[in-house]
C-alpha atoms as a PDB file:
ATOM      1  CA  MET A   1    -109.029 192.138 191.703  1.00  0.00           C
ATOM      2  CA  LEU A   2    -110.076 188.508 191.536  1.00  0.00           C
ATOM      3  CA  SER A   3    -113.592 187.677 190.418  1.00  0.00           C
ATOM      4  CA  ASN A   4    -115.746 185.574 192.741  1.00  0.00           C
ATOM      5  CA  GLU A   5    -115.198 182.537 190.513  1.00  0.00           C
ATOM      6  CA  GLU A   6    -111.427 183.037 190.458  1.00  0.00           C
ATOM      7  CA  ASN A   7    -111.369 183.542 194.221  1.00  0.00           C
ATOM      8  CA  MET A   8    -113.325 180.325 194.793  1.00  0.00           C
ATOM      9  CA  LYS A   9    -110.954 178.341 192.553  1.00  0.00           C
ATOM     10  CA  VAL A  10    -107.878 179.626 194.353  1.00  0.00           C
ATOM     11  CA  ASN A  11    -109.421 179.008 197.767  1.00  0.00           C
ATOM     12  CA  GLU A  12    -110.288 175.420 196.818  1.00  0.00           C
ATOM     13  CA  LEU A  13    -106.708 174.827 195.693  1.00  0.00           C
ATOM     14  CA  ILE A  14    -105.260 176.331 198.886  1.00  0.00           C
ATOM     15  CA  LYS A  15    -107.674 174.213 200.932  1.00  0.00           C
ATOM     16  CA  LEU A  16    -106.386 171.079 199.181  1.00  0.00           C
ATOM     17  CA  ILE A  17    -102.765 172.133 199.725  1.00  0.00           C
ATOM     18  CA  LYS A  18    -103.417 172.706 203.444  1.00  0.00           C
ATOM     19  CA  LYS A  19    -105.061 169.277 203.638  1.00  0.00           C
ATOM     20  CA  THR A  20    -101.930 167.622 202.228  1.00  0.00           C
ATOM     21  CA  SER A  21     -99.853 166.556 205.213  1.00  0.00           C
ATOM     22  CA  ALA A  22     -97.319 163.873 206.066  1.00  0.00           C
ATOM     23  CA  THR A  23     -98.767 160.780 207.733  1.00  0.00           C
ATOM     24  CA  ARG A  24     -96.629 157.974 209.146  1.00  0.00           C
ATOM     25  CA  ILE A  25     -99.423 155.805 210.535  1.00  0.00           C
ATOM     26  CA  PHE A  26    -101.643 153.920 208.099  1.00  0.00           C
ATOM     27  CA  ASP A  27    -104.528 151.519 208.686  1.00  0.00           C
ATOM     28  CA  SER A  28    -105.061 148.136 207.033  1.00  0.00           C
ATOM     29  CA  ARG A  29    -107.134 149.327 204.066  1.00  0.00           C
ATOM     30  CA  CYS A  30    -105.640 148.704 200.632  1.00  0.00           C
ATOM     31  CA  VAL A  31    -105.343 151.435 198.015  1.00  0.00           C
ATOM     32  CA  SER A  32    -107.186 150.436 194.855  1.00  0.00           C
ATOM     33  CA  THR A  33    -105.528 150.329 191.452  1.00  0.00           C
ATOM     34  CA  ASP A  34    -107.988 152.976 190.221  1.00  0.00           C
ATOM     35  CA  TYR A  35    -106.829 155.369 192.939  1.00  0.00           C
ATOM     36  CA  LEU A  36    -103.179 154.697 192.221  1.00  0.00           C
ATOM     37  CA  ASN A  37    -103.685 155.234 188.483  1.00  0.00           C
ATOM     38  CA  LYS A  38    -105.257 158.639 189.203  1.00  0.00           C
ATOM     39  CA  VAL A  39    -102.311 159.556 191.440  1.00  0.00           C
ATOM     40  CA  ILE A  40     -99.779 158.501 188.810  1.00  0.00           C
ATOM     41  CA  SER A  41    -101.670 160.412 186.103  1.00  0.00           C
ATOM     42  CA  ALA A  42    -101.433 163.585 188.197  1.00  0.00           C
ATOM     43  CA  GLY A  43     -97.677 163.102 188.422  1.00  0.00           C
ATOM     44  CA  ARG A  44     -97.398 162.358 184.711  1.00  0.00           C
ATOM     45  CA  TRP A  45     -98.765 165.778 183.787  1.00  0.00           C
ATOM     46  CA  SER A  46     -96.319 167.692 185.978  1.00  0.00           C
ATOM     47  CA  LEU A  47     -94.343 170.548 184.495  1.00  0.00           C
ATOM     48  CA  SER A  48     -91.023 169.283 183.163  1.00  0.00           C
ATOM     49  CA  ILE A  49     -88.101 171.371 181.906  1.00  0.00           C
ATOM     50  CA  HIS A  50     -87.726 170.820 178.144  1.00  0.00           C
ATOM     51  CA  ALA A  51     -90.191 167.921 178.609  1.00  0.00           C
ATOM     52  CA  ILE A  52     -87.350 165.705 179.905  1.00  0.00           C
ATOM     53  CA  GLN A  53     -89.660 163.821 182.333  1.00  0.00           C
ATOM     54  CA  PRO A  54     -86.720 162.367 184.298  1.00  0.00           C
ATOM     55  CA  TRP A  55     -88.844 160.438 186.781  1.00  0.00           C
ATOM     56  CA  ARG A  56     -89.361 156.705 186.992  1.00  0.00           C
ATOM     57  CA  ILE A  57     -91.314 154.931 189.704  1.00  0.00           C
ATOM     58  CA  ILE A  58     -91.674 151.416 191.013  1.00  0.00           C
ATOM     59  CA  LEU A  59     -94.998 150.862 192.736  1.00  0.00           C
ATOM     60  CA  ILE A  60     -94.893 148.120 195.363  1.00  0.00           C
ATOM     61  CA  ARG A  61     -97.759 146.445 197.189  1.00  0.00           C
ATOM     62  CA  ASP A  62     -95.998 143.145 197.852  1.00  0.00           C
ATOM     63  CA  SER A  63     -95.513 142.923 201.632  1.00  0.00           C
ATOM     64  CA  GLY A  64     -92.385 140.784 201.246  1.00  0.00           C
ATOM     65  CA  ILE A  65     -90.587 143.389 199.139  1.00  0.00           C
ATOM     66  CA  ILE A  66     -91.794 146.180 201.429  1.00  0.00           C
ATOM     67  CA  ASN A  67     -90.348 144.299 204.408  1.00  0.00           C
ATOM     68  CA  ASP A  68     -87.058 143.786 202.555  1.00  0.00           C
ATOM     69  CA  ILE A  69     -86.768 147.521 201.896  1.00  0.00           C
ATOM     70  CA  SER A  70     -87.667 148.299 205.508  1.00  0.00           C
ATOM     71  CA  SER A  71     -84.992 145.834 206.682  1.00  0.00           C
ATOM     72  CA  ALA A  72     -82.427 147.472 204.374  1.00  0.00           C
ATOM     73  CA  CYS A  73     -83.100 150.787 206.112  1.00  0.00           C
ATOM     74  CA  TYR A  74     -82.868 149.191 209.568  1.00  0.00           C
ATOM     75  CA  GLU A  75     -79.568 147.498 208.704  1.00  0.00           C
ATOM     76  CA  THR A  76     -78.099 150.710 207.288  1.00  0.00           C
ATOM     77  CA  SER A  77     -79.133 152.692 210.365  1.00  0.00           C
ATOM     78  CA  ASP A  78     -76.690 150.664 212.468  1.00  0.00           C
ATOM     79  CA  SER A  79     -73.774 152.332 210.678  1.00  0.00           C
ATOM     80  CA  LEU A  80     -74.948 155.934 211.185  1.00  0.00           C
ATOM     81  CA  TYR A  81     -74.430 158.493 213.930  1.00  0.00           C
ATOM     82  CA  SER A  82     -77.071 158.394 216.664  1.00  0.00           C
ATOM     83  CA  GLY A  83     -79.385 161.160 215.421  1.00  0.00           C
ATOM     84  CA  TYR A  84     -79.420 159.886 211.846  1.00  0.00           C
ATOM     85  CA  ARG A  85     -79.698 156.310 213.097  1.00  0.00           C
ATOM     86  CA  GLN A  86     -82.921 157.153 214.920  1.00  0.00           C
ATOM     87  CA  VAL A  87     -84.410 158.967 211.938  1.00  0.00           C
ATOM     88  CA  LEU A  88     -83.603 156.141 209.516  1.00  0.00           C
ATOM     89  CA  ALA A  89     -84.977 153.562 211.972  1.00  0.00           C
ATOM     90  CA  SER A  90     -88.198 155.608 212.091  1.00  0.00           C
ATOM     91  CA  THR A  91     -88.260 155.638 208.285  1.00  0.00           C
ATOM     92  CA  ALA A  92     -87.833 151.854 208.259  1.00  0.00           C
ATOM     93  CA  GLU A  93     -90.769 151.475 210.647  1.00  0.00           C
ATOM     94  CA  THR A  94     -92.970 153.715 208.495  1.00  0.00           C
ATOM     95  CA  ILE A  95     -92.151 151.730 205.357  1.00  0.00           C
ATOM     96  CA  LYS A  96     -92.756 148.423 207.152  1.00  0.00           C
ATOM     97  CA  HIS A  97     -96.352 149.342 208.028  1.00  0.00           C
ATOM     98  CA  ALA A  98     -97.299 150.906 204.692  1.00  0.00           C
ATOM     99  CA  ARG A  99     -99.586 148.898 202.413  1.00  0.00           C
ATOM    100  CA  THR A 100     -98.268 150.647 199.295  1.00  0.00           C
ATOM    101  CA  ILE A 101     -94.972 152.376 198.573  1.00  0.00           C
ATOM    102  CA  ILE A 102     -93.931 154.337 195.500  1.00  0.00           C
ATOM    103  CA  ILE A 103     -90.181 154.406 194.948  1.00  0.00           C
ATOM    104  CA  VAL A 104     -89.086 157.377 192.855  1.00  0.00           C
ATOM    105  CA  PHE A 105     -85.960 157.341 190.703  1.00  0.00           C
ATOM    106  CA  ASN A 106     -84.142 159.828 188.495  1.00  0.00           C
ATOM    107  CA  LYS A 107     -83.323 158.472 185.032  1.00  0.00           C
ATOM    108  CA  GLN A 108     -80.739 161.293 184.768  1.00  0.00           C
ATOM    109  CA  PRO A 109     -81.414 162.054 181.087  1.00  0.00           C
ATOM    110  CA  PHE A 110     -79.389 165.289 181.255  1.00  0.00           C
ATOM    111  CA  SER A 111     -76.875 164.848 184.070  1.00  0.00           C
ATOM    112  CA  LEU A 112     -75.317 161.653 182.725  1.00  0.00           C
ATOM    113  CA  ARG A 113     -74.607 163.384 179.408  1.00  0.00           C
ATOM    114  CA  ALA A 114     -73.435 166.604 181.098  1.00  0.00           C
ATOM    115  CA  GLN A 115     -70.967 164.713 183.284  1.00  0.00           C
ATOM    116  CA  LYS A 116     -68.288 164.804 180.604  1.00  0.00           C
ATOM    117  CA  LEU A 117     -68.596 168.608 180.380  1.00  0.00           C
ATOM    118  CA  GLY A 118     -67.577 169.199 183.989  1.00  0.00           C
ATOM    119  CA  ARG A 119     -68.980 169.647 187.480  1.00  0.00           C
ATOM    120  CA  LYS A 120     -70.725 172.997 186.989  1.00  0.00           C
ATOM    121  CA  TYR A 121     -72.684 171.716 183.983  1.00  0.00           C
ATOM    122  CA  LYS A 122     -73.695 168.550 185.785  1.00  0.00           C
ATOM    123  CA  LYS A 123     -74.799 170.564 188.836  1.00  0.00           C
ATOM    124  CA  VAL A 124     -77.130 172.775 186.801  1.00  0.00           C
ATOM    125  CA  VAL A 125     -78.809 169.950 184.908  1.00  0.00           C
ATOM    126  CA  LYS A 126     -78.992 167.735 188.017  1.00  0.00           C
ATOM    127  CA  ASN A 127     -80.879 170.544 189.774  1.00  0.00           C
ATOM    128  CA  ALA A 128     -83.244 170.712 186.796  1.00  0.00           C
ATOM    129  CA  GLU A 129     -83.926 166.983 187.044  1.00  0.00           C
ATOM    130  CA  ILE A 130     -84.544 167.128 190.806  1.00  0.00           C
ATOM    131  CA  GLN A 131     -86.898 170.098 190.443  1.00  0.00           C
ATOM    132  CA  CYS A 132     -88.937 168.237 187.821  1.00  0.00           C
ATOM    133  CA  ILE A 133     -89.151 165.142 190.017  1.00  0.00           C
ATOM    134  CA  SER A 134     -90.149 167.241 193.047  1.00  0.00           C
ATOM    135  CA  ALA A 135     -93.027 168.729 191.047  1.00  0.00           C
ATOM    136  CA  PHE A 136     -93.970 165.190 189.976  1.00  0.00           C
ATOM    137  CA  MET A 137     -94.112 163.996 193.583  1.00  0.00           C
ATOM    138  CA  GLN A 138     -95.995 167.057 194.780  1.00  0.00           C
ATOM    139  CA  ASN A 139     -98.639 166.595 192.080  1.00  0.00           C
ATOM    140  CA  MET A 140     -99.062 162.992 193.211  1.00  0.00           C
ATOM    141  CA  ASN A 141     -99.379 164.125 196.830  1.00  0.00           C
ATOM    142  CA  LEU A 142    -102.087 166.626 195.905  1.00  0.00           C
ATOM    143  CA  ALA A 143    -103.966 163.934 193.973  1.00  0.00           C
ATOM    144  CA  MET A 144    -103.728 161.668 197.011  1.00  0.00           C
ATOM    145  CA  SER A 145    -105.237 164.355 199.215  1.00  0.00           C
ATOM    146  CA  SER A 146    -108.100 164.868 196.764  1.00  0.00           C
ATOM    147  CA  LEU A 147    -108.863 161.127 197.111  1.00  0.00           C
ATOM    148  CA  ASN A 148    -108.589 161.271 200.931  1.00  0.00           C
ATOM    149  CA  LEU A 149    -105.400 159.221 200.814  1.00  0.00           C
ATOM    150  CA  LYS A 150    -102.530 159.935 203.179  1.00  0.00           C
ATOM    151  CA  SER A 151     -98.853 159.873 202.355  1.00  0.00           C
ATOM    152  CA  VAL A 152     -95.385 160.671 203.589  1.00  0.00           C
ATOM    153  CA  TRP A 153     -92.430 161.717 201.442  1.00  0.00           C
ATOM    154  CA  LEU A 154     -89.274 159.990 202.731  1.00  0.00           C
ATOM    155  CA  THR A 155     -85.699 160.914 201.845  1.00  0.00           C
ATOM    156  CA  THR A 156     -83.742 159.424 204.759  1.00  0.00           C
ATOM    157  CA  CYS A 157     -83.953 156.150 202.814  1.00  0.00           C
ATOM    158  CA  LEU A 158     -81.184 157.566 200.601  1.00  0.00           C
ATOM    159  CA  PHE A 159     -78.723 156.328 203.230  1.00  0.00           C
ATOM    160  CA  ALA A 160     -79.788 152.823 202.164  1.00  0.00           C
ATOM    161  CA  GLU A 161     -79.822 153.588 198.430  1.00  0.00           C
ATOM    162  CA  ASN A 162     -77.407 150.846 197.372  1.00  0.00           C
ATOM    163  CA  ARG A 163     -79.178 148.154 199.381  1.00  0.00           C
ATOM    164  CA  ILE A 164     -82.587 149.214 198.028  1.00  0.00           C
ATOM    165  CA  LYS A 165     -81.325 149.263 194.442  1.00  0.00           C
ATOM    166  CA  ARG A 166     -79.930 145.747 194.852  1.00  0.00           C
ATOM    167  CA  ILE A 167     -83.290 144.503 196.147  1.00  0.00           C
ATOM    168  CA  LEU A 168     -85.061 145.974 193.119  1.00  0.00           C
ATOM    169  CA  ASN A 169     -82.267 145.227 190.648  1.00  0.00           C
ATOM    170  CA  VAL A 170     -82.105 148.797 189.319  1.00  0.00           C
ATOM    171  CA  ASP A 171     -79.197 151.181 188.807  1.00  0.00           C
ATOM    172  CA  GLU A 172     -80.999 154.533 188.533  1.00  0.00           C
ATOM    173  CA  GLU A 173     -80.620 157.263 191.134  1.00  0.00           C
ATOM    174  CA  LEU A 174     -82.946 156.904 194.122  1.00  0.00           C
ATOM    175  CA  ILE A 175     -84.740 160.159 194.972  1.00  0.00           C
ATOM    176  CA  ALA A 176     -87.404 159.305 197.551  1.00  0.00           C
ATOM    177  CA  ILE A 177     -89.990 156.825 198.759  1.00  0.00           C
ATOM    178  CA  LEU A 178     -93.646 157.770 199.086  1.00  0.00           C
ATOM    179  CA  CYS A 179     -95.684 155.676 201.509  1.00  0.00           C
ATOM    180  CA  VAL A 180     -99.368 155.753 200.585  1.00  0.00           C
ATOM    181  CA  GLY A 181    -102.486 154.590 202.365  1.00  0.00           C
ATOM    182  CA  PHE A 182    -105.508 155.452 204.441  1.00  0.00           C
ATOM    183  CA  SER A 183    -105.402 156.797 207.966  1.00  0.00           C
ATOM    184  CA  ASN A 184    -107.949 158.049 210.470  1.00  0.00           C
ATOM    185  CA  LYS A 185    -105.232 159.849 212.379  1.00  0.00           C
ATOM    186  CA  ASN A 186    -105.716 163.616 212.364  1.00  0.00           C
ATOM    187  CA  ILE A 187    -102.479 165.377 211.489  1.00  0.00           C
ATOM    188  CA  ARG A 188    -101.948 168.903 212.702  1.00  0.00           C
ATOM    189  CA  ARG A 189    -100.044 170.968 210.188  1.00  0.00           C
ATOM    190  CA  SER A 190     -96.902 172.662 211.436  1.00  0.00           C
ATOM    191  CA  ARG A 191     -96.805 176.440 211.698  1.00  0.00           C
ATOM    192  CA  ARG A 192     -95.924 178.332 208.539  1.00  0.00           C
ATOM    193  CA  ASP A 193     -93.944 181.569 208.352  1.00  0.00           C
ATOM    194  CA  LYS A 194     -95.885 184.694 207.536  1.00  0.00           C
ATOM    195  CA  THR A 195     -95.617 185.825 203.930  1.00  0.00           C
ATOM    196  CA  ASN A 196     -93.630 188.913 204.892  1.00  0.00           C
ATOM    197  CA  ASP A 197     -91.034 186.695 206.564  1.00  0.00           C
ATOM    198  CA  PHE A 198     -89.825 185.251 203.273  1.00  0.00           C
ATOM    199  CA  VAL A 199     -91.058 187.529 200.461  1.00  0.00           C
ATOM    200  CA  SER A 200     -89.405 190.745 199.350  1.00  0.00           C
ATOM    201  CA  TYR A 201     -90.529 192.980 196.494  1.00  0.00           C
ATOM    202  CA  ARG A 202     -88.270 194.926 194.158  1.00  0.00           C
ATOM    203  CA  PRO A 203     -90.327 197.596 192.412  1.00  0.00           C
END
């Protein structure tokens, strides 16, 4: 049985998690450096398998570079099938109107070394890297919510990975782009499955 104090702590955390939702429409307000430093610090302290910390980020507030990355997504969308083309075009539009974007890369500290051992070894360690980076991004998203920032976690941009890497002159593996900002738009969370729909117990 949880104590009242424990129950309050858990409820506050769940409240913050429920508040964290994807937003694709941002207003013109800039995100301060202090806010961004708090967000990055939350990511920095994420759990990381064997402390590998495989993440690297490039934080961009320059509108010219943001437009270049948006254009790279637009240009790539022309080569995709219709459904994917529409999704990537939507991603490009979201990036274009964001005041701040955080581009997340995988330094691949394990998977590059495991490559010479064979596919199954690389698959296991690559999954470990991705899981660490996912925790890193989720911690940043929770920190954003605590600061009343809005964000959206974009992965369709991976179709334009090579173009984006050329713009930024990097060769690390692109994982996602987080668009960050302020928004007065109320986002309704999508329905979640009931616990019994996805949990089974083995006594």
